[in-house]
């Protein structure tokens, strides 16, 4: 299990640290920001984006810790 997570973490770290991932994140932010007025800044939309962001951040913490462990 440890080896599977290690391989997964290496792949995800490489993808998440790429310039294309950064550009993709910027595009998602702009789409979200400009779609707000179109949909009237609904509470459901805000709840969805907040939930997705929190889950992504929670999981990313473990990948960052794994990367730090590999560097030391």
Protein backbone atom coordinates (compact mmCIF):
# COMPACT_ATOMS: atom_id res chain seq x y z
CA UNK A 1 0.00 0.00 0.00
CA UNK A 2 2.86 2.35 0.84
CA UNK A 3 4.48 1.80 -2.55
CA UNK A 4 1.20 2.45 -4.39
CA UNK A 5 0.70 5.73 -2.53
CA UNK A 6 4.32 6.71 -3.19
CA UNK A 7 3.95 6.19 -6.94
CA UNK A 8 0.61 8.01 -6.93
CA UNK A 9 2.09 10.93 -4.95
CA UNK A 10 5.03 11.25 -7.34
CA UNK A 11 2.74 11.34 -10.37
CA UNK A 12 0.27 13.79 -8.83
CA UNK A 13 3.08 16.07 -7.60
CA UNK A 14 4.51 16.17 -11.10
CA UNK A 15 1.17 16.97 -12.68
CA UNK A 16 0.08 19.47 -10.02
CA UNK A 17 3.39 21.30 -10.22
CA UNK A 18 3.29 21.71 -13.99
CA UNK A 19 2.64 24.99 -15.80
CA UNK A 20 -0.42 23.49 -17.50
CA UNK A 21 -1.99 22.72 -14.10
CA UNK A 22 -1.44 26.33 -13.07
CA UNK A 23 -3.04 27.62 -16.27
CA UNK A 24 -5.92 25.18 -15.79
CA UNK A 25 -6.49 26.48 -12.26
CA UNK A 26 -6.52 30.08 -13.51
CA UNK A 27 -9.07 29.13 -16.19
CA UNK A 28 -11.30 27.42 -13.59
CA UNK A 29 -11.16 30.52 -11.38
CA UNK A 30 -12.12 32.82 -14.26
CA UNK A 31 -14.96 30.52 -15.37
CA UNK A 32 -16.23 30.38 -11.79
CA UNK A 33 -15.93 34.17 -11.32
CA UNK A 34 -17.68 35.03 -14.58
CA UNK A 35 -20.39 32.39 -14.24
CA UNK A 36 -21.45 33.81 -10.86
CA UNK A 37 -23.37 36.76 -12.33
CA UNK A 38 -24.87 34.55 -15.04
CA UNK A 39 -26.36 32.20 -12.43
CA UNK A 40 -27.12 34.89 -9.87
CA UNK A 41 -24.45 33.84 -7.36
CA UNK A 42 -26.66 31.02 -6.09
CA UNK A 43 -26.08 29.58 -2.63
CA UNK A 44 -25.88 26.10 -4.13
CA UNK A 45 -23.08 27.14 -6.47
CA UNK A 46 -21.14 28.71 -3.62
CA UNK A 47 -21.65 25.60 -1.49
CA UNK A 48 -20.39 23.33 -4.27
CA UNK A 49 -17.25 25.37 -4.96
CA UNK A 50 -16.47 25.70 -1.24
CA UNK A 51 -16.92 21.97 -0.65
CA UNK A 52 -14.78 20.98 -3.63
CA UNK A 53 -12.08 23.44 -2.57
CA UNK A 54 -12.00 22.12 1.00
CA UNK A 55 -11.81 18.49 -0.12
CA UNK A 56 -9.06 19.26 -2.63
CA UNK A 57 -7.07 21.20 -0.02
CA UNK A 58 -7.44 18.43 2.57
CA UNK A 59 -6.14 15.78 0.17
CA UNK A 60 -3.36 18.02 -1.14
CA UNK A 61 -1.96 18.40 2.40
CA UNK A 62 -1.08 14.70 2.42
CA UNK A 63 0.61 14.94 -0.96
CA UNK A 64 2.62 17.97 0.15
CA UNK A 65 3.72 16.12 3.29
CA UNK A 66 4.77 13.14 1.18
CA UNK A 67 6.82 15.43 -1.06
CA UNK A 68 8.49 17.00 1.96
CA UNK A 69 9.33 13.57 3.35
CA UNK A 70 10.94 12.56 0.05
CA UNK A 71 13.04 15.73 0.00
CA UNK A 72 14.47 15.17 3.46
